[in-house]
Amino acid sequence: MSDLNAIFTPGMQVRHPGQPDWGVGQVQSNIGGRITVNFPDQGKVVIDGNRITLVPVFDA
């Protein structure tokens, strides 16, 4: 898991760098590098933190 992905905790907002059309998602959990995010336009998605580095959103 990338060091940046390790900081994500439930409630934080993120974007998927390869899927900008999904919108800003809210982290539901981050367990063992598997990050569950609820995106408004995609629904609940489990991200493999070893393969994808999510982008934090602080101004949404």
C-alpha atoms as a PDB file:
ATOM      1  CA  MET A   1       0.000   0.000   0.000  1.00  0.00           C
ATOM      2  CA  SER A   2       1.310   3.444  -0.812  1.00  0.00           C
ATOM      3  CA  ASP A   3       2.178   5.653   2.142  1.00  0.00           C
ATOM      4  CA  LEU A   4      -0.523   8.114   1.113  1.00  0.00           C
ATOM      5  CA  ASN A   5      -3.234   5.449   1.135  1.00  0.00           C
ATOM      6  CA  ALA A   6      -2.273   4.557   4.723  1.00  0.00           C
ATOM      7  CA  ILE A   7      -3.585   7.924   5.970  1.00  0.00           C
ATOM      8  CA  PHE A   8      -7.161   7.371   4.807  1.00  0.00           C
ATOM      9  CA  THR A   9      -9.655   6.865   7.612  1.00  0.00           C
ATOM     10  CA  PRO A  10     -13.443   6.512   7.536  1.00  0.00           C
ATOM     11  CA  GLY A  11     -15.138   9.767   6.641  1.00  0.00           C
ATOM     12  CA  MET A  12     -12.279  11.197   4.573  1.00  0.00           C
ATOM     13  CA  GLN A  13     -13.074  12.266   1.034  1.00  0.00           C
ATOM     14  CA  VAL A  14     -11.105  10.997  -1.966  1.00  0.00           C
ATOM     15  CA  ARG A  15     -11.034  10.824  -5.742  1.00  0.00           C
ATOM     16  CA  HIS A  16     -10.039   7.833  -7.860  1.00  0.00           C
ATOM     17  CA  PRO A  17      -7.258   9.099 -10.182  1.00  0.00           C
ATOM     18  CA  GLY A  18      -8.342   6.884 -13.069  1.00  0.00           C
ATOM     19  CA  GLN A  19     -12.090   7.477 -12.729  1.00  0.00           C
ATOM     20  CA  PRO A  20     -12.752  11.219 -12.329  1.00  0.00           C
ATOM     21  CA  ASP A  21     -16.375  10.742 -13.453  1.00  0.00           C
ATOM     22  CA  TRP A  22     -17.062   8.824 -10.211  1.00  0.00           C
ATOM     23  CA  GLY A  23     -16.924  12.095  -8.276  1.00  0.00           C
ATOM     24  CA  VAL A  24     -15.724  12.585  -4.708  1.00  0.00           C
ATOM     25  CA  GLY A  25     -16.091   9.467  -2.590  1.00  0.00           C
ATOM     26  CA  GLN A  26     -16.168   8.934   1.141  1.00  0.00           C
ATOM     27  CA  VAL A  27     -13.863   6.351   2.717  1.00  0.00           C
ATOM     28  CA  GLN A  28     -15.841   3.688   4.564  1.00  0.00           C
ATOM     29  CA  SER A  29     -12.902   1.553   5.765  1.00  0.00           C
ATOM     30  CA  ASN A  30      -9.190   0.947   5.235  1.00  0.00           C
ATOM     31  CA  ILE A  31      -8.182  -2.541   6.324  1.00  0.00           C
ATOM     32  CA  GLY A  32      -5.001  -4.241   5.204  1.00  0.00           C
ATOM     33  CA  GLY A  33      -4.610  -2.055   2.140  1.00  0.00           C
ATOM     34  CA  ARG A  34      -8.181  -2.632   0.962  1.00  0.00           C
ATOM     35  CA  ILE A  35      -9.962   0.714   0.966  1.00  0.00           C
ATOM     36  CA  THR A  36     -13.744   0.734   0.682  1.00  0.00           C
ATOM     37  CA  VAL A  37     -15.060   3.991  -0.771  1.00  0.00           C
ATOM     38  CA  ASN A  38     -18.631   5.056  -1.445  1.00  0.00           C
ATOM     39  CA  PHE A  39     -18.726   7.130  -4.655  1.00  0.00           C
ATOM     40  CA  PRO A  40     -21.898   9.104  -5.503  1.00  0.00           C
ATOM     41  CA  ASP A  41     -21.897   8.062  -9.168  1.00  0.00           C
ATOM     42  CA  GLN A  42     -20.465   4.539  -8.821  1.00  0.00           C
ATOM     43  CA  GLY A  43     -21.564   3.246  -5.430  1.00  0.00           C
ATOM     44  CA  LYS A  44     -19.419   1.249  -3.032  1.00  0.00           C
ATOM     45  CA  VAL A  45     -16.042   0.243  -4.471  1.00  0.00           C
ATOM     46  CA  VAL A  46     -13.200  -1.697  -2.847  1.00  0.00           C
ATOM     47  CA  ILE A  47      -9.832  -0.282  -3.929  1.00  0.00           C
ATOM     48  CA  ASP A  48      -6.586  -2.275  -3.788  1.00  0.00           C
ATOM     49  CA  GLY A  49      -4.256   0.233  -2.146  1.00  0.00           C
ATOM     50  CA  ASN A  50      -1.248  -1.653  -3.508  1.00  0.00           C
ATOM     51  CA  ARG A  51      -2.276  -0.853  -7.075  1.00  0.00           C
ATOM     52  CA  ILE A  52      -4.078   2.504  -6.903  1.00  0.00           C
ATOM     53  CA  THR A  53      -3.163   5.609  -4.935  1.00  0.00           C
ATOM     54  CA  LEU A  54      -6.286   7.582  -4.151  1.00  0.00           C
ATOM     55  CA  VAL A  55      -6.241  11.382  -4.162  1.00  0.00           C
ATOM     56  CA  PRO A  56      -7.362  13.116  -0.941  1.00  0.00           C
ATOM     57  CA  VAL A  57      -9.955  15.882  -1.248  1.00  0.00           C
ATOM     58  CA  PHE A  58      -9.932  18.633   1.350  1.00  0.00           C
ATOM     59  CA  ASP A  59     -12.169  21.246  -0.245  1.00  0.00           C
ATOM     60  CA  ALA A  60     -15.280  19.359  -1.338  1.00  0.00           C
END
